[in-house]
């Protein structure tokens, strides 16, 4: 969400909260990219505000709600009557419980792996249809095929990304047991809370091998995840790097400092480095 759109997004979140009887004195932006994440105080409720399809937000909320009911380690949706997703003009708003992080340190690899393993166990009980992880690769290839959408990519860099995505895509289709995945369980989507690590942000849920999810976590997490295929994780990590690099060159990308990161990750891809090893 672009900075000029934020004031009306904040106003819409405040108005919705007040309509629902929630006390709001001030709002704090927790994260700003394509979706704006805002803490409403003193009611301690988090609003996620975007301009995407209403149905996509409903799917995200539905998955999170089902996961919470299984006891999976997730940040839950605010427990209220339907509807759980609200439209205000072109804005789509969902409300979530607030989890105050208990530490600013990274979640230890063993705890991260245990939480991700339990999340996957809960996801095997989720009935919501989701796209396949390979669809995300195809979306990245679609971006690369249209220079008007990725105008800042040099031809050699575009070729590198296309080659990487095409070469690694078959590895996540039909090579391992598939299930519903988080899609992007990177360190920005896991919180250290009083009750242990909890995941948030389920808008990228998809189907595929668990190794696709493990690849988004710091590299040490794979060593603690039961039964993970180390070779498949390594291939998925390079595939993931090519995808997120492509997103950063999307002309409409709103990720903070995204273009600089994209250029850095391109160099990592060329040199075979893993910028997310941690």
Protein backbone atom coordinates (compact mmCIF):
# COMPACT_ATOMS: atom_id res chain seq x y z
CA UNK A 1 0.00 0.00 0.00
CA UNK A 2 1.51 3.29 -1.09
CA UNK A 3 2.11 6.08 1.50
CA UNK A 4 -0.59 8.36 0.00
CA UNK A 5 -3.18 5.60 0.57
CA UNK A 6 -2.27 5.03 4.22
CA UNK A 7 -4.28 7.87 5.84
CA UNK A 8 -7.58 6.62 4.40
CA UNK A 9 -6.63 3.03 5.30
CA UNK A 10 -6.00 4.07 8.90
CA UNK A 11 -9.26 6.02 8.97
CA UNK A 12 -11.17 3.00 7.64
CA UNK A 13 -9.63 0.71 10.28
CA UNK A 14 -10.50 3.15 13.05
CA UNK A 15 -14.08 3.52 11.80
CA UNK A 16 -14.56 -0.26 11.55
CA UNK A 17 -13.19 -0.82 15.05
CA UNK A 18 -15.49 1.81 16.50
CA UNK A 19 -18.49 0.28 14.69
CA UNK A 20 -17.61 -3.03 16.38
CA UNK A 21 -17.43 -1.40 19.81
CA UNK A 22 -13.64 -1.49 20.11
CA UNK A 23 -11.91 1.36 21.93
CA UNK A 24 -9.34 3.10 19.74
CA UNK A 25 -7.25 6.06 20.91
CA UNK A 26 -4.32 5.68 18.56
CA UNK A 27 -2.98 3.49 15.76
CA UNK A 28 0.55 2.20 15.23
CA UNK A 29 1.78 0.90 11.87
CA UNK A 30 3.52 -2.42 12.49
CA UNK A 31 4.36 -3.25 8.89
CA UNK A 32 3.81 -1.56 5.55
CA UNK A 33 4.15 -3.28 2.19
CA UNK A 34 1.39 -4.39 -0.20
CA UNK A 35 -0.73 -4.86 2.93
CA UNK A 36 -0.79 -2.42 5.84
CA UNK A 37 -0.65 -3.99 9.31
CA UNK A 38 -1.81 -1.69 12.11
CA UNK A 39 -2.08 -2.06 15.89
CA UNK A 40 -5.20 -0.46 17.37
CA UNK A 41 -4.82 0.69 20.96
CA UNK A 42 -5.89 0.37 23.72
CA UNK A 43 -8.11 -2.49 22.47
CA UNK A 44 -4.96 -4.40 21.37
CA UNK A 45 -6.34 -5.53 18.03
CA UNK A 46 -4.38 -5.80 14.79
CA UNK A 47 -5.96 -4.71 11.51
CA UNK A 48 -4.65 -5.97 8.17
CA UNK A 49 -5.69 -3.62 5.38
CA UNK A 50 -5.21 -4.28 1.69
CA UNK A 51 -6.74 -3.69 -1.71
CA UNK A 52 -6.74 -7.30 -2.90
CA UNK A 53 -9.79 -9.46 -3.67
CA UNK A 54 -12.30 -9.91 -0.85
CA UNK A 55 -12.38 -13.66 -1.45
CA UNK A 56 -8.61 -13.97 -1.01
CA UNK A 57 -8.84 -12.30 2.40
CA UNK A 58 -11.69 -14.63 3.34
CA UNK A 59 -9.57 -17.65 2.40
CA UNK A 60 -6.69 -16.37 4.54
CA UNK A 61 -8.96 -15.80 7.54
CA UNK A 62 -10.67 -19.16 7.03
CA UNK A 63 -7.37 -21.03 7.03
CA UNK A 64 -6.11 -19.20 10.12
CA UNK A 65 -9.38 -19.90 11.92
CA UNK A 66 -9.25 -23.62 11.10
CA UNK A 67 -5.62 -23.79 12.20
CA UNK A 68 -6.36 -22.10 15.52
CA UNK A 69 -9.06 -24.70 16.18
CA UNK A 70 -6.52 -27.51 15.67
CA UNK A 71 -4.20 -25.99 18.27
CA UNK A 72 -1.59 -25.10 15.66
CA UNK A 73 0.88 -22.33 16.62
CA UNK A 74 -0.80 -19.41 14.85
CA UNK A 75 -1.83 -15.86 15.65
CA UNK A 76 -5.63 -16.13 15.71
CA UNK A 77 -8.28 -14.08 14.01
CA UNK A 78 -10.19 -11.80 16.37
CA UNK A 79 -13.07 -13.95 17.68
CA UNK A 80 -16.20 -12.13 16.59
CA UNK A 81 -19.41 -12.77 14.73
CA UNK A 82 -19.34 -13.00 10.92
CA UNK A 83 -18.32 -11.38 8.71
CA UNK A 84 -14.67 -11.75 9.65
CA UNK A 85 -13.53 -9.77 6.61
CA UNK A 86 -14.88 -6.30 5.92
CA UNK A 87 -14.89 -4.12 2.80
CA UNK A 88 -14.67 -0.35 2.94
CA UNK A 89 -14.69 0.97 -0.63
CA UNK A 90 -11.70 -0.67 -2.33
CA UNK A 91 -10.17 -1.58 1.04
CA UNK A 92 -10.40 -5.05 2.58
CA UNK A 93 -9.89 -5.27 6.36
CA UNK A 94 -9.47 -8.25 8.66
CA UNK A 95 -8.99 -8.07 12.43
CA UNK A 96 -6.58 -10.24 14.42
CA UNK A 97 -5.56 -10.82 18.02
CA UNK A 98 -2.43 -8.92 19.05
CA UNK A 99 0.58 -10.91 20.21
CA UNK A 100 3.26 -8.81 21.88
CA UNK A 101 6.68 -10.27 21.07
CA UNK A 102 8.51 -11.37 24.23
CA UNK A 103 11.92 -11.17 22.59
CA UNK A 104 13.59 -9.28 19.75
CA UNK A 105 16.03 -12.14 19.22
CA UNK A 106 15.54 -14.64 16.43
CA UNK A 107 13.53 -17.74 17.32
CA UNK A 108 16.06 -20.54 17.99
CA UNK A 109 16.30 -23.04 15.12
CA UNK A 110 15.03 -26.01 17.14
CA UNK A 111 11.96 -24.08 18.37
CA UNK A 112 11.35 -22.71 14.87
CA UNK A 113 11.45 -26.22 13.39
CA UNK A 114 9.14 -27.62 16.08
CA UNK A 115 6.61 -24.82 15.54
CA UNK A 116 6.73 -25.30 11.75
CA UNK A 117 6.32 -29.06 12.14
CA UNK A 118 3.25 -28.53 14.36
CA UNK A 119 1.89 -25.94 11.91
CA UNK A 120 2.16 -28.49 9.10
CA UNK A 121 0.40 -31.10 11.23
CA UNK A 122 -2.48 -28.66 11.73
CA UNK A 123 -2.51 -27.78 8.04
CA UNK A 124 -3.10 -31.41 7.12
CA UNK A 125 -6.50 -31.00 8.78
CA UNK A 126 -7.42 -27.84 6.84
CA UNK A 127 -10.03 -28.37 4.13
CA UNK A 128 -9.64 -25.05 2.31
CA UNK A 129 -8.61 -25.48 -1.37
CA UNK A 130 -5.34 -23.70 -2.20
CA UNK A 131 -3.21 -23.24 -5.33
CA UNK A 132 -0.07 -25.31 -5.87
CA UNK A 133 3.34 -23.85 -5.03
CA UNK A 134 4.27 -24.24 -8.68
CA UNK A 135 1.58 -21.65 -9.51
CA UNK A 136 3.70 -19.09 -7.68
CA UNK A 137 6.67 -20.03 -9.84
CA UNK A 138 4.48 -19.61 -12.93
CA UNK A 139 3.41 -16.17 -11.68
CA UNK A 140 7.06 -15.15 -11.36
CA UNK A 141 7.76 -16.45 -14.87
CA UNK A 142 4.80 -14.41 -16.10
CA UNK A 143 6.35 -11.28 -14.61
CA UNK A 144 9.66 -12.02 -16.29
CA UNK A 145 7.96 -12.62 -19.63
CA UNK A 146 6.57 -9.08 -19.60
CA UNK A 147 9.33 -6.42 -19.64
CA UNK A 148 6.69 -3.73 -19.17
CA UNK A 149 6.00 -5.16 -15.68
CA UNK A 150 9.70 -5.65 -14.84
CA UNK A 151 11.37 -2.81 -16.78
CA UNK A 152 14.47 -2.48 -14.58
CA UNK A 153 15.78 -6.00 -15.20
CA UNK A 154 18.78 -6.25 -17.52
CA UNK A 155 18.44 -8.95 -20.21
CA UNK A 156 21.13 -11.15 -18.65
CA UNK A 157 19.51 -10.91 -15.22
CA UNK A 158 16.09 -11.72 -16.69
CA UNK A 159 17.59 -14.77 -18.41
CA UNK A 160 19.23 -15.94 -15.16
CA UNK A 161 15.94 -15.74 -13.26
CA UNK A 162 13.95 -17.48 -16.01
CA UNK A 163 16.52 -20.28 -16.30
CA UNK A 164 16.62 -20.80 -12.52
CA UNK A 165 12.84 -20.89 -12.13
CA UNK A 166 12.31 -23.23 -15.09
CA UNK A 167 15.09 -25.58 -14.02
CA UNK A 168 13.92 -25.90 -10.41
CA UNK A 169 10.13 -25.80 -10.84
CA UNK A 170 9.77 -29.56 -11.62
CA UNK A 171 11.42 -30.39 -8.30
CA UNK A 172 8.38 -29.26 -6.28
CA UNK A 173 5.80 -31.11 -8.38
CA UNK A 174 5.10 -34.76 -7.60
CA UNK A 175 8.46 -35.49 -5.98
CA UNK A 176 7.31 -35.70 -2.36
CA UNK A 177 4.16 -35.95 -0.29
CA UNK A 178 2.20 -32.74 -0.76
CA UNK A 179 0.00 -30.87 1.68
CA UNK A 180 -1.20 -27.36 2.47
CA UNK A 181 1.71 -25.07 3.33
CA UNK A 182 2.12 -21.62 4.83
CA UNK A 183 3.87 -20.48 1.66
CA UNK A 184 6.21 -17.94 3.27
CA UNK A 185 7.08 -18.97 6.87
CA UNK A 186 10.15 -16.72 6.92
CA UNK A 187 11.38 -15.01 10.14
CA UNK A 188 9.14 -12.00 9.46
CA UNK A 189 6.08 -14.26 9.76
CA UNK A 190 6.86 -15.92 13.10
CA UNK A 191 6.60 -14.25 16.50
CA UNK A 192 8.16 -15.24 19.81
CA UNK A 193 5.18 -15.01 22.18
CA UNK A 194 4.56 -15.90 25.82
CA UNK A 195 3.20 -19.30 24.74
CA UNK A 196 5.95 -20.00 22.20
CA UNK A 197 6.50 -19.21 18.51
CA UNK A 198 3.36 -18.41 16.49
CA UNK A 199 2.96 -17.92 12.74
CA UNK A 200 0.98 -15.19 11.04
CA UNK A 201 0.15 -14.00 7.49
CA UNK A 202 -1.57 -16.84 5.61
CA UNK A 203 -2.30 -15.05 2.35
CA UNK A 204 0.35 -17.11 0.53
CA UNK A 205 -0.91 -20.58 1.52
CA UNK A 206 -0.40 -23.18 -1.19
CA UNK A 207 0.12 -26.91 -1.72
CA UNK A 208 3.46 -28.63 -2.09
CA UNK A 209 6.19 -30.52 -0.23
CA UNK A 210 6.99 -29.33 3.30
CA UNK A 211 10.52 -28.64 2.07
CA UNK A 212 9.16 -25.65 0.14
CA UNK A 213 8.13 -24.10 3.46
CA UNK A 214 11.32 -25.15 5.25
CA UNK A 215 13.31 -23.36 2.55
CA UNK A 216 11.85 -20.01 3.67
CA UNK A 217 13.22 -20.42 7.21
CA UNK A 218 16.86 -19.89 8.26
CA UNK A 219 19.03 -22.75 6.98
CA UNK A 220 19.64 -24.21 10.46
CA UNK A 221 15.90 -24.94 10.84
CA UNK A 222 16.08 -27.76 8.27
CA UNK A 223 18.51 -29.65 10.50
CA UNK A 224 15.87 -29.87 13.23
CA UNK A 225 12.79 -30.56 11.09
CA UNK A 226 11.91 -34.30 11.32
CA UNK A 227 12.38 -36.17 8.05
CA UNK A 228 13.25 -33.15 5.91
CA UNK A 229 14.90 -33.99 2.56
CA UNK A 230 18.06 -31.87 2.72
CA UNK A 231 18.64 -31.98 -1.05
CA UNK A 232 15.08 -30.89 -1.81
CA UNK A 233 15.34 -28.10 0.79
CA UNK A 234 18.50 -26.83 -0.93
CA UNK A 235 16.79 -26.78 -4.34
CA UNK A 236 13.74 -25.04 -2.87
CA UNK A 237 15.95 -22.39 -1.26
CA UNK A 238 17.44 -21.45 -4.62
CA UNK A 239 13.98 -21.52 -6.20
CA UNK A 240 12.66 -19.29 -3.42
CA UNK A 241 15.56 -16.83 -3.91
CA UNK A 242 14.77 -16.57 -7.63
CA UNK A 243 11.08 -15.97 -6.89
CA UNK A 244 11.50 -13.28 -4.24
CA UNK A 245 14.12 -11.55 -6.39
CA UNK A 246 11.61 -11.45 -9.24
CA UNK A 247 8.94 -9.94 -6.96
CA UNK A 248 11.30 -7.10 -6.05
CA UNK A 249 11.57 -6.09 -9.72
CA UNK A 250 7.80 -5.97 -10.23
CA UNK A 251 7.01 -2.37 -11.15
CA UNK A 252 4.12 -2.42 -8.69
CA UNK A 253 6.10 -3.92 -5.79
CA UNK A 254 5.75 -1.95 -2.53
CA UNK A 255 8.22 -3.90 -0.39
CA UNK A 256 10.34 -1.42 1.63
CA UNK A 257 13.74 -0.95 -0.05
CA UNK A 258 12.72 -3.71 -2.44
CA UNK A 259 14.69 -2.67 -5.52
CA UNK A 260 17.99 -2.50 -3.62
CA UNK A 261 17.32 -5.91 -2.10
CA UNK A 262 16.46 -7.31 -5.51
CA UNK A 263 19.79 -6.17 -6.92
CA UNK A 264 21.62 -7.67 -3.94
CA UNK A 265 19.79 -10.99 -4.26
CA UNK A 266 20.53 -11.14 -7.99
CA UNK A 267 24.23 -11.00 -7.18
CA UNK A 268 23.76 -13.71 -4.54
CA UNK A 269 21.97 -15.87 -7.11
CA UNK A 270 24.80 -15.39 -9.64
CA UNK A 271 27.43 -16.32 -7.07
CA UNK A 272 25.53 -19.22 -5.52
CA UNK A 273 25.25 -17.51 -2.14
CA UNK A 274 22.38 -17.91 0.31
CA UNK A 275 21.42 -14.48 1.69
CA UNK A 276 18.89 -16.02 4.08
CA UNK A 277 21.21 -18.50 5.81
CA UNK A 278 21.02 -17.83 9.49
